[in-house]
């Protein structure tokens, strides 16, 4: 049995297997506001709010933005190719689950605010 935790800022993968990885996402500059859109071209990504507040933004291919106020213990599944970004409060912790091969090579990003 192993246990993993992370209490730092930003995002850190804490457990990686050959098929998936689990990370902890916490407050940082890039998660403090809607500043970038990201989409994974080959994989889903799931978010679970553990504590604090978080807003998950998604955008469809027509540019329509949806703002989802996350609730604790609900799994939010971002589909393959769906644009998304998350904004969290300073006291938030979010569990992130994605395929282990999710990487810069199969992810697109668009910066909307420097």
PDB file of N, CA and C in Angstrom:
ATOM      1  N   UNK A   1       0.849  -1.173   0.000  1.00  0.00           N
ATOM      2  CA  UNK A   1       0.000   0.000   0.000  1.00  0.00           C
ATOM      3  C   UNK A   1       0.889   1.229   0.000  1.00  0.00           C
ATOM      4  N   UNK A   2       0.559   2.176  -0.868  1.00  0.00           N
ATOM      5  CA  UNK A   2       1.269   3.450  -0.931  1.00  0.00           C
ATOM      6  C   UNK A   2       0.269   4.576  -0.767  1.00  0.00           C
ATOM      7  N   UNK A   3       0.714   5.695  -0.263  1.00  0.00           N
ATOM      8  CA  UNK A   3      -0.120   6.892  -0.188  1.00  0.00           C
ATOM      9  C   UNK A   3       0.640   8.043  -0.818  1.00  0.00           C
ATOM     10  N   UNK A   4      -0.111   9.003  -1.342  1.00  0.00           N
ATOM     11  CA  UNK A   4       0.480  10.142  -2.028  1.00  0.00           C
ATOM     12  C   UNK A   4      -0.278  11.392  -1.620  1.00  0.00           C
ATOM     13  N   UNK A   5       0.436  12.480  -1.498  1.00  0.00           N
ATOM     14  CA  UNK A   5      -0.198  13.762  -1.199  1.00  0.00           C
ATOM     15  C   UNK A   5       0.623  14.868  -1.831  1.00  0.00           C
ATOM     16  N   UNK A   6       0.034  16.041  -1.903  1.00  0.00           N
ATOM     17  CA  UNK A   6       0.729  17.212  -2.427  1.00  0.00           C
ATOM     18  C   UNK A   6       0.081  18.441  -1.816  1.00  0.00           C
ATOM     19  N   UNK A   7       0.874  19.283  -1.200  1.00  0.00           N
ATOM     20  CA  UNK A   7       0.330  20.489  -0.569  1.00  0.00           C
ATOM     21  C   UNK A   7       0.934  21.768  -1.151  1.00  0.00           C
ATOM     22  N   UNK A   8       1.649  21.642  -2.261  1.00  0.00           N
ATOM     23  CA  UNK A   8       2.252  22.808  -2.903  1.00  0.00           C
ATOM     24  C   UNK A   8       1.265  23.539  -3.795  1.00  0.00           C
ATOM     25  N   UNK A   9       1.785  24.440  -4.600  1.00  0.00           N
ATOM     26  CA  UNK A   9       0.978  25.219  -5.538  1.00  0.00           C
ATOM     27  C   UNK A   9       0.984  24.566  -6.921  1.00  0.00           C
ATOM     28  N   UNK A  10       0.009  24.958  -7.757  1.00  0.00           N
ATOM     29  CA  UNK A  10      -0.069  24.557  -9.146  1.00  0.00           C
ATOM     30  C   UNK A  10      -0.525  23.099  -9.268  1.00  0.00           C
ATOM     31  N   UNK A  11       0.034  22.355 -10.199  1.00  0.00           N
ATOM     32  CA  UNK A  11      -0.381  20.979 -10.470  1.00  0.00           C
ATOM     33  C   UNK A  11       0.814  20.056 -10.340  1.00  0.00           C
ATOM     34  N   UNK A  12       0.580  18.897  -9.753  1.00  0.00           N
ATOM     35  CA  UNK A  12       1.625  17.875  -9.682  1.00  0.00           C
ATOM     36  C   UNK A  12       0.991  16.501  -9.816  1.00  0.00           C
ATOM     37  N   UNK A  13       1.519  15.702 -10.749  1.00  0.00           N
ATOM     38  CA  UNK A  13       1.103  14.303 -10.851  1.00  0.00           C
ATOM     39  C   UNK A  13       1.727  13.562  -9.668  1.00  0.00           C
ATOM     40  N   UNK A  14       0.899  12.882  -8.885  1.00  0.00           N
ATOM     41  CA  UNK A  14       1.395  12.202  -7.690  1.00  0.00           C
ATOM     42  C   UNK A  14       1.452  10.687  -7.850  1.00  0.00           C
ATOM     43  N   UNK A  15       0.736  10.155  -8.831  1.00  0.00           N
ATOM     44  CA  UNK A  15       0.749   8.716  -9.085  1.00  0.00           C
ATOM     45  C   UNK A  15       0.623   8.488 -10.586  1.00  0.00           C
ATOM     46  N   UNK A  16       1.590   7.778 -11.154  1.00  0.00           N
ATOM     47  CA  UNK A  16       1.557   7.471 -12.584  1.00  0.00           C
ATOM     48  C   UNK A  16       1.703   5.968 -12.769  1.00  0.00           C
ATOM     49  N   UNK A  17       0.836   5.415 -13.615  1.00  0.00           N
ATOM     50  CA  UNK A  17       0.947   4.010 -13.992  1.00  0.00           C
ATOM     51  C   UNK A  17       1.168   3.968 -15.500  1.00  0.00           C
ATOM     52  N   UNK A  18       1.197   2.784 -16.074  1.00  0.00           N
ATOM     53  CA  UNK A  18       1.369   2.695 -17.519  1.00  0.00           C
ATOM     54  C   UNK A  18       0.127   3.146 -18.286  1.00  0.00           C
ATOM     55  N   UNK A  19      -1.017   3.245 -17.617  1.00  0.00           N
ATOM     56  CA  UNK A  19      -2.265   3.617 -18.301  1.00  0.00           C
ATOM     57  C   UNK A  19      -2.835   4.984 -17.894  1.00  0.00           C
ATOM     58  N   UNK A  20      -2.648   5.400 -16.637  1.00  0.00           N
ATOM     59  CA  UNK A  20      -3.258   6.644 -16.177  1.00  0.00           C
ATOM     60  C   UNK A  20      -2.387   7.314 -15.131  1.00  0.00           C
ATOM     61  N   UNK A  21      -2.735   8.582 -14.873  1.00  0.00           N
ATOM     62  CA  UNK A  21      -2.056   9.317 -13.814  1.00  0.00           C
ATOM     63  C   UNK A  21      -3.073  10.122 -13.014  1.00  0.00           C
ATOM     64  N   UNK A  22      -2.740  10.298 -11.753  1.00  0.00           N
ATOM     65  CA  UNK A  22      -3.570  11.095 -10.851  1.00  0.00           C
ATOM     66  C   UNK A  22      -2.727  12.261 -10.357  1.00  0.00           C
ATOM     67  N   UNK A  23      -3.309  13.431 -10.411  1.00  0.00           N
ATOM     68  CA  UNK A  23      -2.606  14.616  -9.958  1.00  0.00           C
ATOM     69  C   UNK A  23      -3.433  15.418  -8.985  1.00  0.00           C
ATOM     70  N   UNK A  24      -2.756  16.310  -8.304  1.00  0.00           N
ATOM     71  CA  UNK A  24      -3.393  17.258  -7.398  1.00  0.00           C
ATOM     72  C   UNK A  24      -3.193  18.649  -7.976  1.00  0.00           C
ATOM     73  N   UNK A  25      -4.269  19.393  -8.102  1.00  0.00           N
ATOM     74  CA  UNK A  25      -4.236  20.762  -8.626  1.00  0.00           C
ATOM     75  C   UNK A  25      -4.606  21.698  -7.491  1.00  0.00           C
ATOM     76  N   UNK A  26      -3.779  22.723  -7.303  1.00  0.00           N
ATOM     77  CA  UNK A  26      -4.024  23.714  -6.255  1.00  0.00           C
ATOM     78  C   UNK A  26      -3.803  25.100  -6.843  1.00  0.00           C
ATOM     79  N   UNK A  27      -4.103  26.097  -6.076  1.00  0.00           N
ATOM     80  CA  UNK A  27      -4.017  27.479  -6.539  1.00  0.00           C
ATOM     81  C   UNK A  27      -2.609  27.826  -7.020  1.00  0.00           C
ATOM     82  N   UNK A  28      -2.552  28.561  -8.098  1.00  0.00           N
ATOM     83  CA  UNK A  28      -1.326  29.168  -8.613  1.00  0.00           C
ATOM     84  C   UNK A  28      -1.756  30.282  -9.556  1.00  0.00           C
ATOM     85  N   UNK A  29      -0.809  31.020 -10.072  1.00  0.00           N
ATOM     86  CA  UNK A  29      -1.126  32.121 -10.986  1.00  0.00           C
ATOM     87  C   UNK A  29      -1.924  31.621 -12.189  1.00  0.00           C
ATOM     88  N   UNK A  30      -1.538  30.495 -12.778  1.00  0.00           N
ATOM     89  CA  UNK A  30      -2.242  30.034 -13.986  1.00  0.00           C
ATOM     90  C   UNK A  30      -3.639  29.496 -13.712  1.00  0.00           C
ATOM     91  N   UNK A  31      -3.937  29.149 -12.463  1.00  0.00           N
ATOM     92  CA  UNK A  31      -5.282  28.697 -12.110  1.00  0.00           C
ATOM     93  C   UNK A  31      -6.056  29.744 -11.311  1.00  0.00           C
ATOM     94  N   UNK A  32      -5.591  30.992 -11.349  1.00  0.00           N
ATOM     95  CA  UNK A  32      -6.245  32.077 -10.607  1.00  0.00           C
ATOM     96  C   UNK A  32      -7.255  32.841 -11.455  1.00  0.00           C
ATOM     97  N   UNK A  33      -7.212  32.627 -12.785  1.00  0.00           N
ATOM     98  CA  UNK A  33      -8.116  33.352 -13.694  1.00  0.00           C
ATOM     99  C   UNK A  33      -8.185  32.585 -15.014  1.00  0.00           C
ATOM    100  N   UNK A  34      -9.153  32.935 -15.828  1.00  0.00           N
ATOM    101  CA  UNK A  34      -9.283  32.327 -17.152  1.00  0.00           C
ATOM    102  C   UNK A  34      -8.243  32.970 -18.059  1.00  0.00           C
ATOM    103  N   UNK A  35      -7.146  32.261 -18.310  1.00  0.00           N
ATOM    104  CA  UNK A  35      -6.030  32.839 -19.058  1.00  0.00           C
ATOM    105  C   UNK A  35      -5.541  31.965 -20.210  1.00  0.00           C
ATOM    106  N   UNK A  36      -6.013  30.730 -20.264  1.00  0.00           N
ATOM    107  CA  UNK A  36      -5.567  29.820 -21.318  1.00  0.00           C
ATOM    108  C   UNK A  36      -6.655  28.772 -21.570  1.00  0.00           C
ATOM    109  N   UNK A  37      -6.803  28.391 -22.824  1.00  0.00           N
ATOM    110  CA  UNK A  37      -7.660  27.269 -23.181  1.00  0.00           C
ATOM    111  C   UNK A  37      -6.764  26.105 -23.521  1.00  0.00           C
ATOM    112  N   UNK A  38      -7.161  24.910 -23.126  1.00  0.00           N
ATOM    113  CA  UNK A  38      -6.384  23.712 -23.380  1.00  0.00           C
ATOM    114  C   UNK A  38      -7.336  22.613 -23.825  1.00  0.00           C
ATOM    115  N   UNK A  39      -6.844  21.750 -24.729  1.00  0.00           N
ATOM    116  CA  UNK A  39      -7.616  20.569 -25.085  1.00  0.00           C
ATOM    117  C   UNK A  39      -6.664  19.419 -25.382  1.00  0.00           C
ATOM    118  N   UNK A  40      -7.099  18.233 -24.965  1.00  0.00           N
ATOM    119  CA  UNK A  40      -6.324  17.024 -25.184  1.00  0.00           C
ATOM    120  C   UNK A  40      -6.927  16.300 -26.382  1.00  0.00           C
ATOM    121  N   UNK A  41      -6.120  16.043 -27.376  1.00  0.00           N
ATOM    122  CA  UNK A  41      -6.614  15.526 -28.647  1.00  0.00           C
ATOM    123  C   UNK A  41      -6.871  14.024 -28.651  1.00  0.00           C
ATOM    124  N   UNK A  42      -6.375  13.306 -27.635  1.00  0.00           N
ATOM    125  CA  UNK A  42      -6.518  11.850 -27.622  1.00  0.00           C
ATOM    126  C   UNK A  42      -7.124  11.303 -26.332  1.00  0.00           C
ATOM    127  N   UNK A  43      -7.325  12.141 -25.332  1.00  0.00           N
ATOM    128  CA  UNK A  43      -7.712  11.627 -24.021  1.00  0.00           C
ATOM    129  C   UNK A  43      -8.759  12.490 -23.328  1.00  0.00           C
ATOM    130  N   UNK A  44      -9.503  11.859 -22.445  1.00  0.00           N
ATOM    131  CA  UNK A  44     -10.383  12.557 -21.524  1.00  0.00           C
ATOM    132  C   UNK A  44      -9.540  13.104 -20.377  1.00  0.00           C
ATOM    133  N   UNK A  45     -10.136  13.986 -19.595  1.00  0.00           N
ATOM    134  CA  UNK A  45      -9.532  14.440 -18.348  1.00  0.00           C
ATOM    135  C   UNK A  45     -10.665  14.619 -17.347  1.00  0.00           C
ATOM    136  N   UNK A  46     -10.482  14.109 -16.142  1.00  0.00           N
ATOM    137  CA  UNK A  46     -11.524  14.194 -15.122  1.00  0.00           C
ATOM    138  C   UNK A  46     -11.032  15.044 -13.951  1.00  0.00           C
ATOM    139  N   UNK A  47     -11.949  15.845 -13.417  1.00  0.00           N
ATOM    140  CA  UNK A  47     -11.667  16.721 -12.281  1.00  0.00           C
ATOM    141  C   UNK A  47     -12.637  16.410 -11.154  1.00  0.00           C
ATOM    142  N   UNK A  48     -12.143  16.385  -9.912  1.00  0.00           N
ATOM    143  CA  UNK A  48     -12.987  16.217  -8.733  1.00  0.00           C
ATOM    144  C   UNK A  48     -12.563  17.259  -7.704  1.00  0.00           C
ATOM    145  N   UNK A  49     -13.475  18.149  -7.353  1.00  0.00           N
ATOM    146  CA  UNK A  49     -13.200  19.154  -6.328  1.00  0.00           C
ATOM    147  C   UNK A  49     -13.225  18.479  -4.960  1.00  0.00           C
ATOM    148  N   UNK A  50     -12.123  18.593  -4.236  1.00  0.00           N
ATOM    149  CA  UNK A  50     -12.042  18.010  -2.897  1.00  0.00           C
ATOM    150  C   UNK A  50     -12.362  19.039  -1.824  1.00  0.00           C
ATOM    151  N   UNK A  51     -11.874  20.270  -1.980  1.00  0.00           N
ATOM    152  CA  UNK A  51     -12.185  21.340  -1.035  1.00  0.00           C
ATOM    153  C   UNK A  51     -11.974  22.687  -1.702  1.00  0.00           C
ATOM    154  N   UNK A  52     -12.538  23.727  -1.103  1.00  0.00           N
ATOM    155  CA  UNK A  52     -12.443  25.065  -1.675  1.00  0.00           C
ATOM    156  C   UNK A  52     -13.475  25.270  -2.764  1.00  0.00           C
ATOM    157  N   UNK A  53     -13.201  26.227  -3.618  1.00  0.00           N
ATOM    158  CA  UNK A  53     -14.101  26.565  -4.721  1.00  0.00           C
ATOM    159  C   UNK A  53     -13.360  26.463  -6.038  1.00  0.00           C
ATOM    160  N   UNK A  54     -14.080  26.059  -7.081  1.00  0.00           N
ATOM    161  CA  UNK A  54     -13.484  25.957  -8.413  1.00  0.00           C
ATOM    162  C   UNK A  54     -14.556  26.176  -9.471  1.00  0.00           C
ATOM    163  N   UNK A  55     -14.134  26.792 -10.557  1.00  0.00           N
ATOM    164  CA  UNK A  55     -14.993  26.976 -11.725  1.00  0.00           C
ATOM    165  C   UNK A  55     -14.300  26.307 -12.897  1.00  0.00           C
ATOM    166  N   UNK A  56     -15.012  25.405 -13.559  1.00  0.00           N
ATOM    167  CA  UNK A  56     -14.502  24.733 -14.742  1.00  0.00           C
ATOM    168  C   UNK A  56     -15.141  25.387 -15.961  1.00  0.00           C
ATOM    169  N   UNK A  57     -14.303  25.903 -16.831  1.00  0.00           N
ATOM    170  CA  UNK A  57     -14.777  26.539 -18.058  1.00  0.00           C
ATOM    171  C   UNK A  57     -14.581  25.563 -19.209  1.00  0.00           C
ATOM    172  N   UNK A  58     -15.586  25.470 -20.081  1.00  0.00           N
ATOM    173  CA  UNK A  58     -15.468  24.704 -21.311  1.00  0.00           C
ATOM    174  C   UNK A  58     -15.919  25.584 -22.469  1.00  0.00           C
ATOM    175  N   UNK A  59     -15.409  25.275 -23.636  1.00  0.00           N
ATOM    176  CA  UNK A  59     -15.771  26.059 -24.828  1.00  0.00           C
ATOM    177  C   UNK A  59     -15.994  25.098 -25.975  1.00  0.00           C
ATOM    178  N   UNK A  60     -17.133  25.259 -26.677  1.00  0.00           N
ATOM    179  CA  UNK A  60     -17.400  24.386 -27.818  1.00  0.00           C
ATOM    180  C   UNK A  60     -16.769  24.954 -29.085  1.00  0.00           C
ATOM    181  N   UNK A  61     -16.916  24.239 -30.179  1.00  0.00           N
ATOM    182  CA  UNK A  61     -16.288  24.646 -31.445  1.00  0.00           C
ATOM    183  C   UNK A  61     -16.881  25.916 -32.036  1.00  0.00           C
ATOM    184  N   UNK A  62     -18.052  26.340 -31.545  1.00  0.00           N
ATOM    185  CA  UNK A  62     -18.659  27.597 -31.995  1.00  0.00           C
ATOM    186  C   UNK A  62     -18.222  28.768 -31.131  1.00  0.00           C
ATOM    187  N   UNK A  63     -17.388  28.520 -30.133  1.00  0.00           N
ATOM    188  CA  UNK A  63     -16.910  29.590 -29.256  1.00  0.00           C
ATOM    189  C   UNK A  63     -17.794  29.866 -28.060  1.00  0.00           C
ATOM    190  N   UNK A  64     -18.833  29.056 -27.858  1.00  0.00           N
ATOM    191  CA  UNK A  64     -19.722  29.238 -26.714  1.00  0.00           C
ATOM    192  C   UNK A  64     -19.053  28.720 -25.442  1.00  0.00           C
ATOM    193  N   UNK A  65     -18.968  29.589 -24.441  1.00  0.00           N
ATOM    194  CA  UNK A  65     -18.300  29.251 -23.189  1.00  0.00           C
ATOM    195  C   UNK A  65     -19.333  28.857 -22.138  1.00  0.00           C
ATOM    196  N   UNK A  66     -19.056  27.755 -21.441  1.00  0.00           N
ATOM    197  CA  UNK A  66     -19.882  27.317 -20.320  1.00  0.00           C
ATOM    198  C   UNK A  66     -19.048  27.436 -19.053  1.00  0.00           C
ATOM    199  N   UNK A  67     -19.646  28.022 -18.038  1.00  0.00           N
ATOM    200  CA  UNK A  67     -18.990  28.208 -16.746  1.00  0.00           C
ATOM    201  C   UNK A  67     -19.670  27.299 -15.734  1.00  0.00           C
ATOM    202  N   UNK A  68     -18.941  26.334 -15.199  1.00  0.00           N
ATOM    203  CA  UNK A  68     -19.516  25.345 -14.291  1.00  0.00           C
ATOM    204  C   UNK A  68     -18.945  25.550 -12.897  1.00  0.00           C
ATOM    205  N   UNK A  69     -19.806  25.931 -11.958  1.00  0.00           N
ATOM    206  CA  UNK A  69     -19.383  26.028 -10.560  1.00  0.00           C
ATOM    207  C   UNK A  69     -19.300  24.610 -10.023  1.00  0.00           C
ATOM    208  N   UNK A  70     -18.099  24.151  -9.763  1.00  0.00           N
ATOM    209  CA  UNK A  70     -17.912  22.765  -9.342  1.00  0.00           C
ATOM    210  C   UNK A  70     -18.422  22.541  -7.927  1.00  0.00           C
ATOM    211  N   UNK A  71     -18.914  21.337  -7.697  1.00  0.00           N
ATOM    212  CA  UNK A  71     -19.365  20.912  -6.378  1.00  0.00           C
ATOM    213  C   UNK A  71     -18.455  19.796  -5.899  1.00  0.00           C
ATOM    214  N   UNK A  72     -18.201  19.721  -4.602  1.00  0.00           N
ATOM    215  CA  UNK A  72     -17.324  18.675  -4.080  1.00  0.00           C
ATOM    216  C   UNK A  72     -17.849  17.274  -4.387  1.00  0.00           C
ATOM    217  N   UNK A  73     -16.917  16.359  -4.629  1.00  0.00           N
ATOM    218  CA  UNK A  73     -17.182  14.929  -4.801  1.00  0.00           C
ATOM    219  C   UNK A  73     -17.984  14.582  -6.056  1.00  0.00           C
ATOM    220  N   UNK A  74     -18.044  15.496  -7.030  1.00  0.00           N
ATOM    221  CA  UNK A  74     -18.670  15.216  -8.322  1.00  0.00           C
ATOM    222  C   UNK A  74     -17.549  15.053  -9.341  1.00  0.00           C
ATOM    223  N   UNK A  75     -17.640  14.034 -10.198  1.00  0.00           N
ATOM    224  CA  UNK A  75     -16.640  13.834 -11.237  1.00  0.00           C
ATOM    225  C   UNK A  75     -17.060  14.621 -12.477  1.00  0.00           C
ATOM    226  N   UNK A  76     -16.198  15.519 -12.914  1.00  0.00           N
ATOM    227  CA  UNK A  76     -16.423  16.317 -14.119  1.00  0.00           C
ATOM    228  C   UNK A  76     -15.502  15.774 -15.202  1.00  0.00           C
ATOM    229  N   UNK A  77     -16.089  15.192 -16.238  1.00  0.00           N
ATOM    230  CA  UNK A  77     -15.347  14.543 -17.318  1.00  0.00           C
ATOM    231  C   UNK A  77     -15.276  15.473 -18.522  1.00  0.00           C
ATOM    232  N   UNK A  78     -14.078  15.898 -18.879  1.00  0.00           N
ATOM    233  CA  UNK A  78     -13.871  16.724 -20.061  1.00  0.00           C
ATOM    234  C   UNK A  78     -13.584  15.783 -21.222  1.00  0.00           C
ATOM    235  N   UNK A  79     -14.399  15.866 -22.261  1.00  0.00           N
ATOM    236  CA  UNK A  79     -14.285  14.971 -23.410  1.00  0.00           C
ATOM    237  C   UNK A  79     -13.013  15.207 -24.215  1.00  0.00           C
ATOM    238  N   UNK A  80     -12.648  14.222 -24.993  1.00  0.00           N
ATOM    239  CA  UNK A  80     -11.531  14.342 -25.923  1.00  0.00           C
ATOM    240  C   UNK A  80     -11.776  15.546 -26.835  1.00  0.00           C
ATOM    241  N   UNK A  81     -10.787  16.418 -26.955  1.00  0.00           N
ATOM    242  CA  UNK A  81     -10.884  17.569 -27.850  1.00  0.00           C
ATOM    243  C   UNK A  81     -11.678  18.746 -27.328  1.00  0.00           C
ATOM    244  N   UNK A  82     -12.190  18.672 -26.108  1.00  0.00           N
ATOM    245  CA  UNK A  82     -12.993  19.768 -25.554  1.00  0.00           C
ATOM    246  C   UNK A  82     -12.077  20.813 -24.904  1.00  0.00           C
ATOM    247  N   UNK A  83     -12.215  22.067 -25.330  1.00  0.00           N
ATOM    248  CA  UNK A  83     -11.444  23.158 -24.747  1.00  0.00           C
ATOM    249  C   UNK A  83     -11.881  23.359 -23.307  1.00  0.00           C
ATOM    250  N   UNK A  84     -10.921  23.580 -22.406  1.00  0.00           N
ATOM    251  CA  UNK A  84     -11.263  23.742 -20.993  1.00  0.00           C
ATOM    252  C   UNK A  84     -10.166  24.502 -20.243  1.00  0.00           C
ATOM    253  N   UNK A  85     -10.545  25.019 -19.101  1.00  0.00           N
ATOM    254  CA  UNK A  85      -9.621  25.637 -18.144  1.00  0.00           C
ATOM    255  C   UNK A  85     -10.323  25.648 -16.793  1.00  0.00           C
ATOM    256  N   UNK A  86      -9.543  25.581 -15.736  1.00  0.00           N
ATOM    257  CA  UNK A  86     -10.103  25.587 -14.387  1.00  0.00           C
ATOM    258  C   UNK A  86      -9.509  26.754 -13.608  1.00  0.00           C
ATOM    259  N   UNK A  87     -10.364  27.398 -12.825  1.00  0.00           N
ATOM    260  CA  UNK A  87      -9.957  28.489 -11.942  1.00  0.00           C
ATOM    261  C   UNK A  87     -10.339  28.079 -10.532  1.00  0.00           C
ATOM    262  N   UNK A  88      -9.377  28.181  -9.602  1.00  0.00           N
ATOM    263  CA  UNK A  88      -9.617  27.699  -8.246  1.00  0.00           C
ATOM    264  C   UNK A  88      -9.335  28.780  -7.209  1.00  0.00           C
ATOM    265  N   UNK A  89      -9.985  28.639  -6.064  1.00  0.00           N
ATOM    266  CA  UNK A  89      -9.741  29.538  -4.941  1.00  0.00           C
ATOM    267  C   UNK A  89      -8.415  29.182  -4.274  1.00  0.00           C
ATOM    268  N   UNK A  90      -7.919  30.084  -3.453  1.00  0.00           N
ATOM    269  CA  UNK A  90      -6.622  29.877  -2.801  1.00  0.00           C
ATOM    270  C   UNK A  90      -6.604  28.657  -1.892  1.00  0.00           C
ATOM    271  N   UNK A  91      -7.775  28.247  -1.394  1.00  0.00           N
ATOM    272  CA  UNK A  91      -7.839  27.089  -0.500  1.00  0.00           C
ATOM    273  C   UNK A  91      -8.320  25.819  -1.191  1.00  0.00           C
ATOM    274  N   UNK A  92      -8.379  25.831  -2.511  1.00  0.00           N
ATOM    275  CA  UNK A  92      -8.933  24.689  -3.256  1.00  0.00           C
ATOM    276  C   UNK A  92      -7.913  23.572  -3.454  1.00  0.00           C
ATOM    277  N   UNK A  93      -8.436  22.364  -3.510  1.00  0.00           N
ATOM    278  CA  UNK A  93      -7.687  21.186  -3.927  1.00  0.00           C
ATOM    279  C   UNK A  93      -8.572  20.403  -4.884  1.00  0.00           C
ATOM    280  N   UNK A  94      -8.032  20.087  -6.057  1.00  0.00           N
ATOM    281  CA  UNK A  94      -8.774  19.369  -7.086  1.00  0.00           C
ATOM    282  C   UNK A  94      -7.974  18.128  -7.479  1.00  0.00           C
ATOM    283  N   UNK A  95      -8.649  16.990  -7.510  1.00  0.00           N
ATOM    284  CA  UNK A  95      -8.059  15.751  -7.986  1.00  0.00           C
ATOM    285  C   UNK A  95      -8.214  15.715  -9.499  1.00  0.00           C
ATOM    286  N   UNK A  96      -7.148  15.371 -10.212  1.00  0.00           N
ATOM    287  CA  UNK A  96      -7.168  15.321 -11.676  1.00  0.00           C
ATOM    288  C   UNK A  96      -6.748  13.921 -12.109  1.00  0.00           C
ATOM    289  N   UNK A  97      -7.541  13.322 -13.004  1.00  0.00           N
ATOM    290  CA  UNK A  97      -7.228  11.989 -13.520  1.00  0.00           C
ATOM    291  C   UNK A  97      -7.207  12.069 -15.040  1.00  0.00           C
ATOM    292  N   UNK A  98      -6.118  11.534 -15.623  1.00  0.00           N
ATOM    293  CA  UNK A  98      -6.003  11.520 -17.082  1.00  0.00           C
ATOM    294  C   UNK A  98      -5.124  10.348 -17.502  1.00  0.00           C
ATOM    295  N   UNK A  99      -5.128  10.052 -18.797  1.00  0.00           N
ATOM    296  CA  UNK A  99      -4.273   8.988 -19.305  1.00  0.00           C
ATOM    297  C   UNK A  99      -2.813   9.339 -19.056  1.00  0.00           C
ATOM    298  N   UNK A 100      -1.995   8.337 -18.839  1.00  0.00           N
ATOM    299  CA  UNK A 100      -0.584   8.586 -18.566  1.00  0.00           C
ATOM    300  C   UNK A 100       0.149   9.172 -19.767  1.00  0.00           C
ATOM    301  N   UNK A 101      -0.381   8.953 -20.971  1.00  0.00           N
ATOM    302  CA  UNK A 101       0.288   9.486 -22.161  1.00  0.00           C
ATOM    303  C   UNK A 101      -0.229  10.857 -22.592  1.00  0.00           C
ATOM    304  N   UNK A 102      -1.009  11.513 -21.754  1.00  0.00           N
ATOM    305  CA  UNK A 102      -1.426  12.887 -22.040  1.00  0.00           C
ATOM    306  C   UNK A 102      -0.182  13.766 -21.902  1.00  0.00           C
ATOM    307  N   UNK A 103       0.112  14.520 -22.956  1.00  0.00           N
ATOM    308  CA  UNK A 103       1.373  15.269 -22.978  1.00  0.00           C
ATOM    309  C   UNK A 103       1.255  16.508 -23.864  1.00  0.00           C
ATOM    310  N   UNK A 104       2.341  17.256 -23.943  1.00  0.00           N
ATOM    311  CA  UNK A 104       2.399  18.427 -24.817  1.00  0.00           C
ATOM    312  C   UNK A 104       2.211  18.034 -26.278  1.00  0.00           C
ATOM    313  N   UNK A 105       2.629  16.830 -26.627  1.00  0.00           N
ATOM    314  CA  UNK A 105       2.537  16.374 -28.014  1.00  0.00           C
ATOM    315  C   UNK A 105       1.104  16.126 -28.467  1.00  0.00           C
ATOM    316  N   UNK A 106       0.179  15.833 -27.553  1.00  0.00           N
ATOM    317  CA  UNK A 106      -1.214  15.601 -27.949  1.00  0.00           C
ATOM    318  C   UNK A 106      -2.171  16.566 -27.247  1.00  0.00           C
ATOM    319  N   UNK A 107      -1.638  17.737 -26.903  1.00  0.00           N
ATOM    320  CA  UNK A 107      -2.427  18.789 -26.258  1.00  0.00           C
ATOM    321  C   UNK A 107      -2.212  20.105 -26.991  1.00  0.00           C
ATOM    322  N   UNK A 108      -3.297  20.826 -27.191  1.00  0.00           N
ATOM    323  CA  UNK A 108      -3.208  22.168 -27.783  1.00  0.00           C
ATOM    324  C   UNK A 108      -3.553  23.194 -26.720  1.00  0.00           C
ATOM    325  N   UNK A 109      -2.882  24.338 -26.761  1.00  0.00           N
ATOM    326  CA  UNK A 109      -3.148  25.438 -25.826  1.00  0.00           C
ATOM    327  C   UNK A 109      -3.263  26.734 -26.594  1.00  0.00           C
ATOM    328  N   UNK A 110      -4.176  27.581 -26.122  1.00  0.00           N
ATOM    329  CA  UNK A 110      -4.327  28.924 -26.647  1.00  0.00           C
ATOM    330  C   UNK A 110      -4.307  29.876 -25.464  1.00  0.00           C
ATOM    331  N   UNK A 111      -3.299  30.737 -25.411  1.00  0.00           N
ATOM    332  CA  UNK A 111      -3.216  31.718 -24.336  1.00  0.00           C
ATOM    333  C   UNK A 111      -4.111  32.890 -24.676  1.00  0.00           C
ATOM    334  N   UNK A 112      -4.992  33.253 -23.742  1.00  0.00           N
ATOM    335  CA  UNK A 112      -5.939  34.342 -23.996  1.00  0.00           C
ATOM    336  C   UNK A 112      -5.644  35.563 -23.140  1.00  0.00           C
ATOM    337  N   UNK A 113      -4.681  35.449 -22.217  1.00  0.00           N
ATOM    338  CA  UNK A 113      -4.363  36.558 -21.329  1.00  0.00           C
ATOM    339  C   UNK A 113      -2.959  36.339 -20.796  1.00  0.00           C
ATOM    340  N   UNK A 114      -2.109  37.318 -20.959  1.00  0.00           N
ATOM    341  CA  UNK A 114      -0.748  37.178 -20.423  1.00  0.00           C
ATOM    342  C   UNK A 114      -0.751  37.645 -19.036  1.00  0.00           C
TER     343      UNK A 114
END
